[in-house]
N, C-alpha and C. Protein backbone atom coordinates (compact mmCIF):
# COMPACT_ATOMS: atom_id res chain seq x y z
N MET A 1 -15.49 -0.32 -30.63
CA MET A 1 -15.95 -1.62 -30.14
C MET A 1 -15.32 -1.95 -28.78
N ALA A 2 -14.01 -1.75 -28.71
CA ALA A 2 -13.31 -2.02 -27.44
C ALA A 2 -13.85 -1.13 -26.33
N LEU A 3 -14.17 0.10 -26.69
CA LEU A 3 -14.68 1.04 -25.70
C LEU A 3 -16.03 0.56 -25.17
N CYS A 4 -16.87 0.03 -26.05
CA CYS A 4 -18.18 -0.49 -25.63
C CYS A 4 -18.02 -1.65 -24.66
N ALA A 5 -17.10 -2.55 -24.98
CA ALA A 5 -16.86 -3.71 -24.12
C ALA A 5 -16.32 -3.27 -22.76
N LEU A 6 -15.42 -2.30 -22.79
CA LEU A 6 -14.86 -1.78 -21.55
C LEU A 6 -15.95 -1.13 -20.71
N PHE A 7 -16.78 -0.34 -21.35
CA PHE A 7 -17.86 0.34 -20.64
C PHE A 7 -18.85 -0.66 -20.07
N TYR A 8 -19.17 -1.70 -20.86
CA TYR A 8 -20.11 -2.72 -20.41
C TYR A 8 -19.60 -3.43 -19.17
N SER A 9 -18.31 -3.81 -19.18
CA SER A 9 -17.75 -4.50 -18.02
C SER A 9 -17.71 -3.57 -16.81
N TRP A 10 -17.47 -2.27 -17.08
CA TRP A 10 -17.44 -1.28 -16.00
C TRP A 10 -18.83 -1.15 -15.37
N VAL A 11 -19.87 -1.12 -16.20
CA VAL A 11 -21.24 -1.03 -15.70
C VAL A 11 -21.60 -2.30 -14.92
N CYS A 12 -21.18 -3.45 -15.41
CA CYS A 12 -21.46 -4.71 -14.71
C CYS A 12 -20.83 -4.74 -13.33
N ASN A 13 -19.69 -4.10 -13.20
CA ASN A 13 -18.98 -4.08 -11.92
C ASN A 13 -19.40 -2.91 -11.04
N TRP A 14 -20.39 -2.15 -11.50
CA TRP A 14 -20.77 -0.91 -10.81
C TRP A 14 -21.23 -1.17 -9.37
N GLY A 15 -22.02 -2.22 -9.16
CA GLY A 15 -22.50 -2.54 -7.81
C GLY A 15 -21.35 -2.78 -6.85
N VAL A 16 -20.36 -3.53 -7.30
CA VAL A 16 -19.17 -3.78 -6.49
C VAL A 16 -18.41 -2.48 -6.28
N ALA A 17 -18.28 -1.71 -7.34
CA ALA A 17 -17.53 -0.45 -7.29
C ALA A 17 -18.14 0.51 -6.28
N VAL A 18 -19.46 0.61 -6.27
CA VAL A 18 -20.12 1.54 -5.35
C VAL A 18 -19.82 1.17 -3.90
N SER A 19 -19.91 -0.11 -3.56
CA SER A 19 -19.63 -0.50 -2.18
C SER A 19 -18.16 -0.25 -1.83
N GLU A 20 -17.27 -0.43 -2.80
CA GLU A 20 -15.85 -0.14 -2.57
C GLU A 20 -15.63 1.35 -2.38
N LEU A 21 -16.31 2.15 -3.20
CA LEU A 21 -16.15 3.61 -3.11
C LEU A 21 -16.55 4.13 -1.73
N GLN A 22 -17.58 3.53 -1.16
CA GLN A 22 -18.05 3.98 0.15
C GLN A 22 -17.00 3.74 1.23
N ASN A 23 -16.11 2.78 1.00
CA ASN A 23 -15.08 2.46 1.98
C ASN A 23 -13.77 3.21 1.73
N MET A 24 -13.70 3.95 0.63
CA MET A 24 -12.46 4.63 0.26
C MET A 24 -12.31 5.99 0.92
N THR A 25 -11.07 6.38 1.08
CA THR A 25 -10.81 7.74 1.50
C THR A 25 -10.88 8.63 0.26
N LYS A 26 -10.93 9.93 0.48
CA LYS A 26 -11.02 10.86 -0.64
C LYS A 26 -9.80 10.74 -1.55
N ALA A 27 -8.61 10.57 -0.98
CA ALA A 27 -7.39 10.45 -1.77
C ALA A 27 -7.43 9.20 -2.65
N GLN A 28 -7.90 8.09 -2.09
CA GLN A 28 -8.02 6.86 -2.87
C GLN A 28 -9.02 7.04 -4.00
N LEU A 29 -10.11 7.73 -3.69
CA LEU A 29 -11.15 7.96 -4.69
C LEU A 29 -10.60 8.77 -5.86
N ILE A 30 -9.83 9.81 -5.56
CA ILE A 30 -9.24 10.63 -6.62
C ILE A 30 -8.31 9.79 -7.49
N LYS A 31 -7.51 8.91 -6.88
CA LYS A 31 -6.61 8.04 -7.64
C LYS A 31 -7.42 7.12 -8.56
N GLU A 32 -8.51 6.56 -8.05
CA GLU A 32 -9.36 5.68 -8.85
C GLU A 32 -9.94 6.41 -10.05
N VAL A 33 -10.44 7.61 -9.82
CA VAL A 33 -11.03 8.40 -10.91
C VAL A 33 -9.98 8.69 -11.97
N GLU A 34 -8.77 9.04 -11.55
CA GLU A 34 -7.68 9.30 -12.50
C GLU A 34 -7.36 8.05 -13.30
N ALA A 35 -7.33 6.89 -12.64
CA ALA A 35 -7.04 5.63 -13.31
C ALA A 35 -8.10 5.31 -14.35
N ILE A 36 -9.37 5.49 -13.99
CA ILE A 36 -10.47 5.23 -14.92
C ILE A 36 -10.40 6.18 -16.11
N THR A 37 -10.09 7.45 -15.85
CA THR A 37 -9.98 8.44 -16.92
C THR A 37 -8.87 8.04 -17.89
N LEU A 38 -7.73 7.60 -17.36
CA LEU A 38 -6.63 7.16 -18.21
C LEU A 38 -7.04 5.96 -19.06
N LEU A 39 -7.74 5.00 -18.45
CA LEU A 39 -8.21 3.83 -19.20
C LEU A 39 -9.15 4.23 -20.33
N LEU A 40 -10.07 5.13 -20.05
CA LEU A 40 -11.01 5.57 -21.08
C LEU A 40 -10.30 6.31 -22.20
N ASP A 41 -9.33 7.16 -21.86
CA ASP A 41 -8.56 7.87 -22.87
C ASP A 41 -7.81 6.88 -23.75
N GLU A 42 -7.22 5.87 -23.13
CA GLU A 42 -6.47 4.85 -23.85
C GLU A 42 -7.39 4.06 -24.78
N ALA A 43 -8.56 3.71 -24.28
CA ALA A 43 -9.53 2.95 -25.08
C ALA A 43 -9.98 3.75 -26.30
N GLN A 44 -10.20 5.03 -26.13
CA GLN A 44 -10.62 5.88 -27.24
C GLN A 44 -9.50 6.00 -28.27
N THR A 45 -8.26 6.04 -27.82
CA THR A 45 -7.12 6.13 -28.73
C THR A 45 -7.00 4.85 -29.55
N LEU A 46 -7.23 3.71 -28.92
CA LEU A 46 -7.10 2.42 -29.60
C LEU A 46 -8.24 2.16 -30.58
N SER A 47 -9.43 2.64 -30.28
CA SER A 47 -10.57 2.33 -31.14
C SER A 47 -10.68 3.24 -32.34
């Protein structure tokens, strides 16, 4: 359930995220992807 809510909020923020991604450097982008991956792993562990 928590994972669904997390995913839903992530999708809702997708438009903002895309515009932010376009302004990021490759290094920043890699850090963001790692952070999202960690969040998803944590959410799956909790649910």
